[in-house]
Amino acid sequence: MFDQYRKTILAGAVALTCGLTAASTFAAGFQPAQPAGKLGAVVVDPYGNAPLTALVELDSHIISDVKVTVHGKGEKGVPVTYTVGKESLETYDGIPIFGLYQKFANNVTVEYKENGKAMKDDYVVQTSAIVNHYMDNRSISDLQQTKVIKVAPGFEDRLYLVNTHTFTPQGAEFHWHGEKDKNAGILDAGPAGGALPFDIAPYTFVVDTQGEYRWWLDQDTFYDGHDMNINKRGYLMGIRETPRGTFTAVQGQHWYEFDMMGQILADHKLPRGFLDASHESIETVNGTVLLRVGKRDYRKEDGIHVHTIRDQIIEVD
């Protein structure tokens, strides 16, 4: 019985040795995705943070006058149509696709010019379901539902960015240790300070006027409620658009810049001496960013040091 397996193992070892020897001449590996149309392959969620986006790779084509249409789902579906400029094409080395439906075979039309000739490609872009990673016995659905009450005439094609949150099963877990009374013993508990307990899982998405999800920022992009790491905790807030079409945001001990494709452009810790950013991040005309934060170890008139809560505005770059 074992002799048969020994022969198989030996044959496998010989094959592996031959494969390793051949690697010096031919590199082993799998083929990349092939072009899906006249341009390159279609990559869904190219940065791993926005699963309802995709990218049509340029594959060395030089194109211009790009127009994208993500067709609506069903008879009442809302189409998403936009143009793509030269800077975006160069930034992504591809055509960014935004506004896909989740868990759906999306019909997407891309129109463009190449060598002065008008071209058009039709794609079917398959997406997976978006997932809420934070659910417990309080949850009444897997995803927050949008109930459309009324759509004003002329607003049918509007998209709405929603910056909300969902509870974590464990609730608040952290607080900063404040300065103890001068008469307190070494083993006596100290007071809590700051806003570290202001900690909840993000739930950031775009919805259309039919109540359909058309964009989703993966919760793991900036937050991790399963690990005891304060650098991945807080309350993702203050999402503001910049003149470049990107977004700034704050969460706990960090502030960020990202784009709708899920690309993280900046991830900065707060400057030393400050903590617990929340509510606001506003880019100024000078390109700096204003943040709402607390002050670490602020000395009061009585000499006691405290961590303040959201009473400071700092300018960072």
C-alpha atoms as a PDB file:
ATOM      1  CA  MET A   1       0.000   0.000   0.000  1.00  0.00           C
ATOM      2  CA  PHE A   2       2.683   2.476   1.023  1.00  0.00           C
ATOM      3  CA  ASP A   3       4.900   1.466  -1.931  1.00  0.00           C
ATOM      4  CA  GLN A   4       2.315   2.930  -4.316  1.00  0.00           C
ATOM      5  CA  TYR A   5       2.368   6.240  -2.461  1.00  0.00           C
ATOM      6  CA  ARG A   6       6.187   6.231  -2.348  1.00  0.00           C
ATOM      7  CA  LYS A   7       6.292   5.903  -6.144  1.00  0.00           C
ATOM      8  CA  THR A   8       3.797   8.748  -6.508  1.00  0.00           C
ATOM      9  CA  ILE A   9       5.742  10.973  -4.128  1.00  0.00           C
ATOM     10  CA  LEU A  10       9.009  10.158  -5.933  1.00  0.00           C
ATOM     11  CA  ALA A  11       7.469  10.999  -9.316  1.00  0.00           C
ATOM     12  CA  GLY A  12       6.154  14.257  -7.902  1.00  0.00           C
ATOM     13  CA  ALA A  13       9.565  15.118  -6.476  1.00  0.00           C
ATOM     14  CA  VAL A  14      11.222  14.492  -9.846  1.00  0.00           C
ATOM     15  CA  ALA A  15       8.626  16.652 -11.610  1.00  0.00           C
ATOM     16  CA  LEU A  16       9.144  19.420  -9.053  1.00  0.00           C
ATOM     17  CA  THR A  17      12.920  19.276  -9.536  1.00  0.00           C
ATOM     18  CA  CYS A  18      12.524  19.550 -13.303  1.00  0.00           C
ATOM     19  CA  GLY A  19      10.164  22.468 -12.841  1.00  0.00           C
ATOM     20  CA  LEU A  20      12.623  24.302 -10.601  1.00  0.00           C
ATOM     21  CA  THR A  21      15.420  23.718 -13.086  1.00  0.00           C
ATOM     22  CA  ALA A  22      13.322  25.017 -15.970  1.00  0.00           C
ATOM     23  CA  ALA A  23      12.481  28.184 -14.017  1.00  0.00           C
ATOM     24  CA  SER A  24      15.908  29.584 -14.836  1.00  0.00           C
ATOM     25  CA  THR A  25      14.861  29.664 -18.488  1.00  0.00           C
ATOM     26  CA  PHE A  26      11.071  30.068 -18.367  1.00  0.00           C
ATOM     27  CA  ALA A  27       9.350  31.891 -15.504  1.00  0.00           C
ATOM     28  CA  ALA A  28       6.262  30.035 -14.284  1.00  0.00           C
ATOM     29  CA  GLY A  29       3.030  31.953 -13.782  1.00  0.00           C
ATOM     30  CA  PHE A  30      -0.580  32.421 -14.737  1.00  0.00           C
ATOM     31  CA  GLN A  31      -1.865  34.535 -17.592  1.00  0.00           C
ATOM     32  CA  PRO A  32      -3.397  37.948 -16.831  1.00  0.00           C
ATOM     33  CA  ALA A  33      -6.939  38.835 -17.826  1.00  0.00           C
ATOM     34  CA  GLN A  34      -7.262  39.281 -21.571  1.00  0.00           C
ATOM     35  CA  PRO A  35      -8.763  42.409 -23.196  1.00  0.00           C
ATOM     36  CA  ALA A  36     -12.531  42.553 -22.818  1.00  0.00           C
ATOM     37  CA  GLY A  37     -13.058  44.893 -25.776  1.00  0.00           C
ATOM     38  CA  LYS A  38     -10.920  47.033 -28.045  1.00  0.00           C
ATOM     39  CA  LEU A  39      -8.922  48.291 -25.060  1.00  0.00           C
ATOM     40  CA  GLY A  40      -7.604  46.260 -22.117  1.00  0.00           C
ATOM     41  CA  ALA A  41      -9.021  44.022 -19.412  1.00  0.00           C
ATOM     42  CA  VAL A  42     -11.733  45.090 -16.972  1.00  0.00           C
ATOM     43  CA  VAL A  43     -10.570  45.012 -13.339  1.00  0.00           C
ATOM     44  CA  VAL A  44     -13.268  45.175 -10.659  1.00  0.00           C
ATOM     45  CA  ASP A  45     -12.349  47.024  -7.442  1.00  0.00           C
ATOM     46  CA  PRO A  46      -8.788  47.795  -8.576  1.00  0.00           C
ATOM     47  CA  TYR A  47      -7.662  49.169  -5.187  1.00  0.00           C
ATOM     48  CA  GLY A  48      -9.493  46.682  -2.980  1.00  0.00           C
ATOM     49  CA  ASN A  49     -11.581  49.274  -1.127  1.00  0.00           C
ATOM     50  CA  ALA A  50     -14.526  50.137  -3.399  1.00  0.00           C
ATOM     51  CA  PRO A  51     -16.171  46.945  -4.734  1.00  0.00           C
ATOM     52  CA  LEU A  52     -18.706  48.798  -6.902  1.00  0.00           C
ATOM     53  CA  THR A  53     -16.001  50.341  -9.075  1.00  0.00           C
ATOM     54  CA  ALA A  54     -13.989  48.963 -11.972  1.00  0.00           C
ATOM     55  CA  LEU A  55     -11.251  49.990 -14.364  1.00  0.00           C
ATOM     56  CA  VAL A  56     -10.950  49.410 -18.110  1.00  0.00           C
ATOM     57  CA  GLU A  57      -7.203  49.179 -18.657  1.00  0.00           C
ATOM     58  CA  LEU A  58      -5.812  51.231 -21.536  1.00  0.00           C
ATOM     59  CA  ASP A  59      -3.369  48.533 -22.650  1.00  0.00           C
ATOM     60  CA  SER A  60      -1.112  51.250 -24.146  1.00  0.00           C
ATOM     61  CA  HIS A  61      -3.940  52.788 -26.207  1.00  0.00           C
ATOM     62  CA  ILE A  62      -3.997  56.591 -26.398  1.00  0.00           C
ATOM     63  CA  ILE A  63      -7.595  57.786 -26.322  1.00  0.00           C
ATOM     64  CA  SER A  64      -9.584  60.953 -25.707  1.00  0.00           C
ATOM     65  CA  ASP A  65     -13.168  62.277 -25.441  1.00  0.00           C
ATOM     66  CA  VAL A  66     -14.142  59.451 -23.105  1.00  0.00           C
ATOM     67  CA  LYS A  67     -17.736  59.035 -21.984  1.00  0.00           C
ATOM     68  CA  VAL A  68     -18.947  56.275 -19.651  1.00  0.00           C
ATOM     69  CA  THR A  69     -22.521  55.086 -19.106  1.00  0.00           C
ATOM     70  CA  VAL A  70     -23.432  52.550 -16.448  1.00  0.00           C
ATOM     71  CA  HIS A  71     -26.910  51.527 -17.544  1.00  0.00           C
ATOM     72  CA  GLY A  72     -29.735  51.406 -15.039  1.00  0.00           C
ATOM     73  CA  LYS A  73     -31.053  48.112 -13.721  1.00  0.00           C
ATOM     74  CA  GLY A  74     -34.521  47.274 -14.976  1.00  0.00           C
ATOM     75  CA  GLU A  75     -37.110  49.676 -16.346  1.00  0.00           C
ATOM     76  CA  LYS A  76     -36.748  52.258 -13.562  1.00  0.00           C
ATOM     77  CA  GLY A  77     -33.007  51.939 -13.040  1.00  0.00           C
ATOM     78  CA  VAL A  78     -30.959  55.132 -12.867  1.00  0.00           C
ATOM     79  CA  PRO A  79     -28.176  55.373 -15.477  1.00  0.00           C
ATOM     80  CA  VAL A  80     -24.889  56.925 -14.394  1.00  0.00           C
ATOM     81  CA  THR A  81     -23.192  58.901 -17.178  1.00  0.00           C
ATOM     82  CA  TYR A  82     -20.021  60.969 -16.975  1.00  0.00           C
ATOM     83  CA  THR A  83     -16.983  62.052 -18.989  1.00  0.00           C
ATOM     84  CA  VAL A  84     -13.387  61.108 -18.166  1.00  0.00           C
ATOM     85  CA  GLY A  85     -10.607  63.636 -18.680  1.00  0.00           C
ATOM     86  CA  LYS A  86      -6.978  63.189 -19.683  1.00  0.00           C
ATOM     87  CA  GLU A  87      -5.699  63.549 -16.116  1.00  0.00           C
ATOM     88  CA  SER A  88      -7.924  60.725 -14.845  1.00  0.00           C
ATOM     89  CA  LEU A  89      -6.888  58.457 -17.711  1.00  0.00           C
ATOM     90  CA  GLU A  90      -3.246  59.029 -16.805  1.00  0.00           C
ATOM     91  CA  THR A  91      -3.846  58.699 -13.060  1.00  0.00           C
ATOM     92  CA  TYR A  92      -5.413  55.244 -13.356  1.00  0.00           C
ATOM     93  CA  ASP A  93      -3.825  54.097 -16.634  1.00  0.00           C
ATOM     94  CA  GLY A  94      -7.388  53.209 -17.496  1.00  0.00           C
ATOM     95  CA  ILE A  95     -11.001  54.329 -17.637  1.00  0.00           C
ATOM     96  CA  PRO A  96     -12.573  54.521 -14.159  1.00  0.00           C
ATOM     97  CA  ILE A  97     -16.015  52.916 -13.880  1.00  0.00           C
ATOM     98  CA  PHE A  98     -18.197  54.198 -11.057  1.00  0.00           C
ATOM     99  CA  GLY A  99     -21.834  53.547 -10.138  1.00  0.00           C
ATOM    100  CA  LEU A 100     -22.060  49.769 -10.520  1.00  0.00           C
ATOM    101  CA  TYR A 101     -24.811  47.770  -8.853  1.00  0.00           C
ATOM    102  CA  GLN A 102     -23.817  45.148  -6.302  1.00  0.00           C
ATOM    103  CA  LYS A 103     -24.024  41.422  -7.114  1.00  0.00           C
ATOM    104  CA  PHE A 104     -25.112  42.172 -10.657  1.00  0.00           C
ATOM    105  CA  ALA A 105     -24.012  41.812 -14.268  1.00  0.00           C
ATOM    106  CA  ASN A 106     -23.753  45.538 -15.050  1.00  0.00           C
ATOM    107  CA  ASN A 107     -24.079  46.779 -18.618  1.00  0.00           C
ATOM    108  CA  VAL A 108     -21.505  49.504 -19.253  1.00  0.00           C
ATOM    109  CA  THR A 109     -20.926  51.489 -22.443  1.00  0.00           C
ATOM    110  CA  VAL A 110     -17.649  53.324 -23.045  1.00  0.00           C
ATOM    111  CA  GLU A 111     -17.390  55.816 -25.920  1.00  0.00           C
ATOM    112  CA  TYR A 112     -14.077  57.389 -26.910  1.00  0.00           C
ATOM    113  CA  LYS A 113     -11.879  58.541 -29.765  1.00  0.00           C
ATOM    114  CA  GLU A 114      -8.661  56.899 -30.913  1.00  0.00           C
ATOM    115  CA  ASN A 115      -6.617  58.324 -33.773  1.00  0.00           C
ATOM    116  CA  GLY A 116      -9.495  60.707 -34.432  1.00  0.00           C
ATOM    117  CA  LYS A 117     -11.973  57.870 -34.938  1.00  0.00           C
ATOM    118  CA  ALA A 118     -15.085  57.480 -32.771  1.00  0.00           C
ATOM    119  CA  MET A 119     -15.158  54.127 -30.970  1.00  0.00           C
ATOM    120  CA  LYS A 120     -17.563  52.365 -28.642  1.00  0.00           C
ATOM    121  CA  ASP A 121     -17.247  49.294 -26.420  1.00  0.00           C
ATOM    122  CA  ASP A 122     -20.014  47.557 -24.486  1.00  0.00           C
ATOM    123  CA  TYR A 123     -19.033  45.617 -21.380  1.00  0.00           C
ATOM    124  CA  VAL A 124     -20.735  43.364 -18.870  1.00  0.00           C
ATOM    125  CA  VAL A 125     -19.117  44.003 -15.483  1.00  0.00           C
ATOM    126  CA  GLN A 126     -19.929  41.440 -12.812  1.00  0.00           C
ATOM    127  CA  THR A 127     -19.795  42.564  -9.185  1.00  0.00           C
ATOM    128  CA  SER A 128     -20.107  40.677  -5.922  1.00  0.00           C
ATOM    129  CA  ALA A 129     -22.313  41.478  -2.940  1.00  0.00           C
ATOM    130  CA  ILE A 130     -21.201  44.188  -0.532  1.00  0.00           C
ATOM    131  CA  VAL A 131     -20.853  43.059   3.076  1.00  0.00           C
ATOM    132  CA  ASN A 132     -21.496  44.611   6.476  1.00  0.00           C
ATOM    133  CA  HIS A 133     -18.867  43.100   8.789  1.00  0.00           C
ATOM    134  CA  TYR A 134     -20.517  44.301  12.006  1.00  0.00           C
ATOM    135  CA  MET A 135     -23.770  42.589  12.899  1.00  0.00           C
ATOM    136  CA  ASP A 136     -25.278  41.331  16.163  1.00  0.00           C
ATOM    137  CA  ASN A 137     -28.693  40.586  17.671  1.00  0.00           C
ATOM    138  CA  ARG A 138     -29.677  44.248  17.206  1.00  0.00           C
ATOM    139  CA  SER A 139     -29.372  43.987  13.423  1.00  0.00           C
ATOM    140  CA  ILE A 140     -32.660  43.826  11.523  1.00  0.00           C
ATOM    141  CA  SER A 141     -31.072  43.560   8.062  1.00  0.00           C
ATOM    142  CA  ASP A 142     -27.642  42.905   6.612  1.00  0.00           C
ATOM    143  CA  LEU A 143     -27.466  46.330   4.952  1.00  0.00           C
ATOM    144  CA  GLN A 144     -29.136  49.616   5.749  1.00  0.00           C
ATOM    145  CA  GLN A 145     -32.163  50.065   3.523  1.00  0.00           C
ATOM    146  CA  THR A 146     -33.040  53.319   1.764  1.00  0.00           C
ATOM    147  CA  LYS A 147     -36.734  54.131   1.412  1.00  0.00           C
ATOM    148  CA  VAL A 148     -37.343  56.710  -1.309  1.00  0.00           C
ATOM    149  CA  ILE A 149     -40.286  58.939  -0.370  1.00  0.00           C
ATOM    150  CA  LYS A 150     -40.290  61.468  -3.205  1.00  0.00           C
ATOM    151  CA  VAL A 151     -38.039  62.382  -6.118  1.00  0.00           C
ATOM    152  CA  ALA A 152     -38.366  65.983  -7.257  1.00  0.00           C
ATOM    153  CA  PRO A 153     -38.615  66.590 -11.015  1.00  0.00           C
ATOM    154  CA  GLY A 154     -35.162  67.073 -12.484  1.00  0.00           C
ATOM    155  CA  PHE A 155     -33.469  65.171  -9.658  1.00  0.00           C
ATOM    156  CA  GLU A 156     -34.044  61.664 -11.010  1.00  0.00           C
ATOM    157  CA  ASP A 157     -30.381  61.057 -11.856  1.00  0.00           C
ATOM    158  CA  ARG A 158     -28.946  62.395  -8.588  1.00  0.00           C
ATOM    159  CA  LEU A 159     -26.577  60.312  -6.472  1.00  0.00           C
ATOM    160  CA  TYR A 160     -26.224  60.840  -2.720  1.00  0.00           C
ATOM    161  CA  LEU A 161     -23.144  60.145  -0.600  1.00  0.00           C
ATOM    162  CA  VAL A 162     -24.170  58.833   2.824  1.00  0.00           C
ATOM    163  CA  ASN A 163     -21.681  58.960   5.706  1.00  0.00           C
ATOM    164  CA  THR A 164     -23.249  56.940   8.494  1.00  0.00           C
ATOM    165  CA  HIS A 165     -22.236  54.152  10.883  1.00  0.00           C
ATOM    166  CA  THR A 166     -23.275  50.891  12.503  1.00  0.00           C
ATOM    167  CA  PHE A 167     -22.700  49.571  16.011  1.00  0.00           C
ATOM    168  CA  THR A 168     -19.977  47.102  16.864  1.00  0.00           C
ATOM    169  CA  PRO A 169     -21.024  44.146  19.047  1.00  0.00           C
ATOM    170  CA  GLN A 170     -18.514  45.058  21.780  1.00  0.00           C
ATOM    171  CA  GLY A 171     -19.335  48.750  21.999  1.00  0.00           C
ATOM    172  CA  ALA A 172     -16.710  51.234  23.197  1.00  0.00           C
ATOM    173  CA  GLU A 173     -13.553  49.506  24.452  1.00  0.00           C
ATOM    174  CA  PHE A 174     -10.918  52.224  24.975  1.00  0.00           C
ATOM    175  CA  HIS A 175     -10.362  55.406  26.915  1.00  0.00           C
ATOM    176  CA  TRP A 176      -7.356  57.608  27.583  1.00  0.00           C
ATOM    177  CA  HIS A 177      -5.995  57.478  31.121  1.00  0.00           C
ATOM    178  CA  GLY A 178      -6.216  60.915  32.672  1.00  0.00           C
ATOM    179  CA  GLU A 179      -4.007  62.464  35.337  1.00  0.00           C
ATOM    180  CA  LYS A 180      -4.798  61.134  38.803  1.00  0.00           C
ATOM    181  CA  ASP A 181      -5.274  63.221  41.911  1.00  0.00           C
ATOM    182  CA  LYS A 182      -2.001  63.996  43.668  1.00  0.00           C
ATOM    183  CA  ASN A 183      -3.161  61.995  46.688  1.00  0.00           C
ATOM    184  CA  ALA A 184      -4.073  58.891  44.638  1.00  0.00           C
ATOM    185  CA  GLY A 185      -2.085  55.720  45.118  1.00  0.00           C
ATOM    186  CA  ILE A 186      -0.176  53.996  42.343  1.00  0.00           C
ATOM    187  CA  LEU A 187      -2.836  51.275  42.104  1.00  0.00           C
ATOM    188  CA  ASP A 188      -5.794  53.654  42.241  1.00  0.00           C
ATOM    189  CA  ALA A 189      -7.768  54.059  39.027  1.00  0.00           C
ATOM    190  CA  GLY A 190      -7.392  57.274  37.105  1.00  0.00           C
ATOM    191  CA  PRO A 191     -10.098  59.302  35.387  1.00  0.00           C
ATOM    192  CA  ALA A 192     -11.004  58.794  31.749  1.00  0.00           C
ATOM    193  CA  GLY A 193     -10.236  61.624  29.364  1.00  0.00           C
ATOM    194  CA  GLY A 194     -10.549  62.553  25.735  1.00  0.00           C
ATOM    195  CA  ALA A 195     -12.926  61.047  23.178  1.00  0.00           C
ATOM    196  CA  LEU A 196     -11.354  57.649  22.503  1.00  0.00           C
ATOM    197  CA  PRO A 197     -14.673  55.856  23.252  1.00  0.00           C
ATOM    198  CA  PHE A 198     -16.160  57.730  20.268  1.00  0.00           C
ATOM    199  CA  ASP A 199     -15.618  54.567  18.248  1.00  0.00           C
ATOM    200  CA  ILE A 200     -18.065  52.950  15.824  1.00  0.00           C
ATOM    201  CA  ALA A 201     -17.870  51.043  12.527  1.00  0.00           C
ATOM    202  CA  PRO A 202     -18.158  53.150   9.349  1.00  0.00           C
ATOM    203  CA  TYR A 203     -20.930  52.678   6.838  1.00  0.00           C
ATOM    204  CA  THR A 204     -20.168  54.826   3.812  1.00  0.00           C
ATOM    205  CA  PHE A 205     -22.017  54.501   0.508  1.00  0.00           C
ATOM    206  CA  VAL A 206     -23.681  56.227  -2.429  1.00  0.00           C
ATOM    207  CA  VAL A 207     -27.359  55.652  -3.134  1.00  0.00           C
ATOM    208  CA  ASP A 208     -29.443  56.587  -6.175  1.00  0.00           C
ATOM    209  CA  THR A 209     -33.032  57.840  -6.344  1.00  0.00           C
ATOM    210  CA  GLN A 210     -34.321  54.265  -6.522  1.00  0.00           C
ATOM    211  CA  GLY A 211     -32.678  53.433  -3.209  1.00  0.00           C
ATOM    212  CA  GLU A 212     -30.001  51.262  -4.850  1.00  0.00           C
ATOM    213  CA  TYR A 213     -26.425  51.123  -3.626  1.00  0.00           C
ATOM    214  CA  ARG A 214     -24.137  52.505  -6.378  1.00  0.00           C
ATOM    215  CA  TRP A 215     -20.895  52.834  -4.423  1.00  0.00           C
ATOM    216  CA  TRP A 216     -19.518  51.359  -1.225  1.00  0.00           C
ATOM    217  CA  LEU A 217     -16.393  52.087   0.800  1.00  0.00           C
ATOM    218  CA  ASP A 218     -15.267  48.837   2.352  1.00  0.00           C
ATOM    219  CA  GLN A 219     -15.403  49.081   6.141  1.00  0.00           C
ATOM    220  CA  ASP A 220     -11.886  47.648   6.436  1.00  0.00           C
ATOM    221  CA  THR A 221     -10.393  50.515   4.425  1.00  0.00           C
ATOM    222  CA  PHE A 222      -9.755  52.622   7.522  1.00  0.00           C
ATOM    223  CA  TYR A 223     -11.409  50.730  10.385  1.00  0.00           C
ATOM    224  CA  ASP A 224     -10.845  47.458  12.217  1.00  0.00           C
ATOM    225  CA  GLY A 225     -13.204  46.715  15.080  1.00  0.00           C
ATOM    226  CA  HIS A 226     -11.792  43.212  15.539  1.00  0.00           C
ATOM    227  CA  ASP A 227      -8.290  44.268  16.595  1.00  0.00           C
ATOM    228  CA  MET A 228      -7.221  46.267  19.653  1.00  0.00           C
ATOM    229  CA  ASN A 229      -5.438  48.931  17.622  1.00  0.00           C
ATOM    230  CA  ILE A 230      -6.439  52.528  18.257  1.00  0.00           C
ATOM    231  CA  ASN A 231      -4.897  53.574  14.933  1.00  0.00           C
ATOM    232  CA  LYS A 232      -7.737  51.707  13.199  1.00  0.00           C
ATOM    233  CA  ARG A 233     -10.508  52.915  15.511  1.00  0.00           C
ATOM    234  CA  GLY A 234     -12.602  56.037  15.797  1.00  0.00           C
ATOM    235  CA  TYR A 235     -15.554  57.580  13.989  1.00  0.00           C
ATOM    236  CA  LEU A 236     -15.045  58.121  10.235  1.00  0.00           C
ATOM    237  CA  MET A 237     -16.466  61.580   9.630  1.00  0.00           C
ATOM    238  CA  GLY A 238     -15.962  64.924   7.953  1.00  0.00           C
ATOM    239  CA  ILE A 239     -15.883  63.527   4.423  1.00  0.00           C
ATOM    240  CA  ARG A 240     -15.338  66.596   2.260  1.00  0.00           C
ATOM    241  CA  GLU A 241     -14.650  66.886  -1.452  1.00  0.00           C
ATOM    242  CA  THR A 242     -11.472  68.644  -2.550  1.00  0.00           C
ATOM    243  CA  PRO A 243     -11.034  70.762  -5.714  1.00  0.00           C
ATOM    244  CA  ARG A 244      -9.269  67.723  -7.232  1.00  0.00           C
ATOM    245  CA  GLY A 245     -12.350  65.543  -6.873  1.00  0.00           C
ATOM    246  CA  THR A 246     -10.832  63.526  -4.028  1.00  0.00           C
ATOM    247  CA  PHE A 247     -12.089  63.424  -0.440  1.00  0.00           C
ATOM    248  CA  THR A 248     -10.601  64.156   2.973  1.00  0.00           C
ATOM    249  CA  ALA A 249     -11.861  62.538   6.167  1.00  0.00           C
ATOM    250  CA  VAL A 250     -10.949  62.075   9.821  1.00  0.00           C
ATOM    251  CA  GLN A 251     -11.135  59.065  12.121  1.00  0.00           C
ATOM    252  CA  GLY A 252      -9.702  58.992  15.622  1.00  0.00           C
ATOM    253  CA  GLN A 253      -5.939  59.413  15.480  1.00  0.00           C
ATOM    254  CA  HIS A 254      -5.690  59.810  11.685  1.00  0.00           C
ATOM    255  CA  TRP A 255      -6.802  61.935   8.771  1.00  0.00           C
ATOM    256  CA  TYR A 256      -7.038  60.690   5.200  1.00  0.00           C
ATOM    257  CA  GLU A 257      -7.391  61.555   1.548  1.00  0.00           C
ATOM    258  CA  PHE A 258      -8.976  59.066  -0.858  1.00  0.00           C
ATOM    259  CA  ASP A 259     -10.846  58.953  -4.150  1.00  0.00           C
ATOM    260  CA  MET A 260     -14.013  57.283  -5.406  1.00  0.00           C
ATOM    261  CA  MET A 261     -12.030  54.407  -6.891  1.00  0.00           C
ATOM    262  CA  GLY A 262     -10.946  53.484  -3.374  1.00  0.00           C
ATOM    263  CA  GLN A 263      -7.354  54.650  -3.814  1.00  0.00           C
ATOM    264  CA  ILE A 264      -5.836  55.878  -0.537  1.00  0.00           C
ATOM    265  CA  LEU A 265      -3.824  58.981  -1.377  1.00  0.00           C
ATOM    266  CA  ALA A 266      -2.833  59.994   2.159  1.00  0.00           C
ATOM    267  CA  ASP A 267      -2.953  58.401   5.614  1.00  0.00           C
ATOM    268  CA  HIS A 268      -1.555  60.750   8.255  1.00  0.00           C
ATOM    269  CA  LYS A 269      -1.373  60.449  12.008  1.00  0.00           C
ATOM    270  CA  LEU A 270      -2.384  63.538  13.946  1.00  0.00           C
ATOM    271  CA  PRO A 271       0.528  65.760  14.978  1.00  0.00           C
ATOM    272  CA  ARG A 272       2.036  65.075  18.383  1.00  0.00           C
ATOM    273  CA  GLY A 273       0.081  66.770  21.137  1.00  0.00           C
ATOM    274  CA  PHE A 274      -3.344  66.241  19.555  1.00  0.00           C
ATOM    275  CA  LEU A 275      -5.849  63.391  19.549  1.00  0.00           C
ATOM    276  CA  ASP A 276      -9.349  62.167  18.710  1.00  0.00           C
ATOM    277  CA  ALA A 277     -10.171  63.855  15.402  1.00  0.00           C
ATOM    278  CA  SER A 278     -13.847  63.894  14.487  1.00  0.00           C
ATOM    279  CA  HIS A 279     -16.558  65.752  12.584  1.00  0.00           C
ATOM    280  CA  GLU A 280     -14.553  67.974  10.232  1.00  0.00           C
ATOM    281  CA  SER A 281     -11.778  67.989   7.640  1.00  0.00           C
ATOM    282  CA  ILE A 282     -11.837  70.987   5.306  1.00  0.00           C
ATOM    283  CA  GLU A 283      -9.231  71.740   2.650  1.00  0.00           C
ATOM    284  CA  THR A 284      -8.301  75.418   2.422  1.00  0.00           C
ATOM    285  CA  VAL A 285      -7.495  77.462  -0.681  1.00  0.00           C
ATOM    286  CA  ASN A 286      -3.819  77.002   0.217  1.00  0.00           C
ATOM    287  CA  GLY A 287      -4.082  73.220  -0.009  1.00  0.00           C
ATOM    288  CA  THR A 288      -3.802  72.693   3.741  1.00  0.00           C
ATOM    289  CA  VAL A 289      -6.492  70.876   5.737  1.00  0.00           C
ATOM    290  CA  LEU A 290      -8.353  72.068   8.834  1.00  0.00           C
ATOM    291  CA  LEU A 291      -9.155  69.347  11.385  1.00  0.00           C
ATOM    292  CA  ARG A 292     -11.271  69.316  14.522  1.00  0.00           C
ATOM    293  CA  VAL A 293      -9.339  67.607  17.319  1.00  0.00           C
ATOM    294  CA  GLY A 294      -8.667  67.505  21.058  1.00  0.00           C
ATOM    295  CA  LYS A 295      -5.517  68.633  22.899  1.00  0.00           C
ATOM    296  CA  ARG A 296      -3.414  66.060  24.679  1.00  0.00           C
ATOM    297  CA  ASP A 297      -2.256  66.917  28.230  1.00  0.00           C
ATOM    298  CA  TYR A 298      -3.716  70.411  28.287  1.00  0.00           C
ATOM    299  CA  ARG A 299      -2.764  72.123  31.555  1.00  0.00           C
ATOM    300  CA  LYS A 300      -5.673  73.841  33.281  1.00  0.00           C
ATOM    301  CA  GLU A 301      -5.398  76.842  35.595  1.00  0.00           C
ATOM    302  CA  ASP A 302      -5.377  74.530  38.611  1.00  0.00           C
ATOM    303  CA  GLY A 303      -2.350  72.712  37.205  1.00  0.00           C
ATOM    304  CA  ILE A 304      -4.189  69.490  36.353  1.00  0.00           C
ATOM    305  CA  HIS A 305      -3.542  68.039  32.888  1.00  0.00           C
ATOM    306  CA  VAL A 306      -6.489  66.785  30.841  1.00  0.00           C
ATOM    307  CA  HIS A 307      -7.185  65.478  27.356  1.00  0.00           C
ATOM    308  CA  THR A 308      -9.703  67.881  25.849  1.00  0.00           C
ATOM    309  CA  ILE A 309     -12.576  66.941  23.552  1.00  0.00           C
ATOM    310  CA  ARG A 310     -13.087  68.533  20.101  1.00  0.00           C
ATOM    311  CA  ASP A 311     -12.146  72.053  21.149  1.00  0.00           C
ATOM    312  CA  GLN A 312      -9.165  72.599  18.839  1.00  0.00           C
ATOM    313  CA  ILE A 313      -8.864  73.414  15.134  1.00  0.00           C
ATOM    314  CA  ILE A 314      -5.470  72.628  13.635  1.00  0.00           C
ATOM    315  CA  GLU A 315      -4.093  73.221  10.153  1.00  0.00           C
ATOM    316  CA  VAL A 316      -2.090  70.382   8.585  1.00  0.00           C
ATOM    317  CA  ASP A 317      -0.560  69.647   5.205  1.00  0.00           C
END
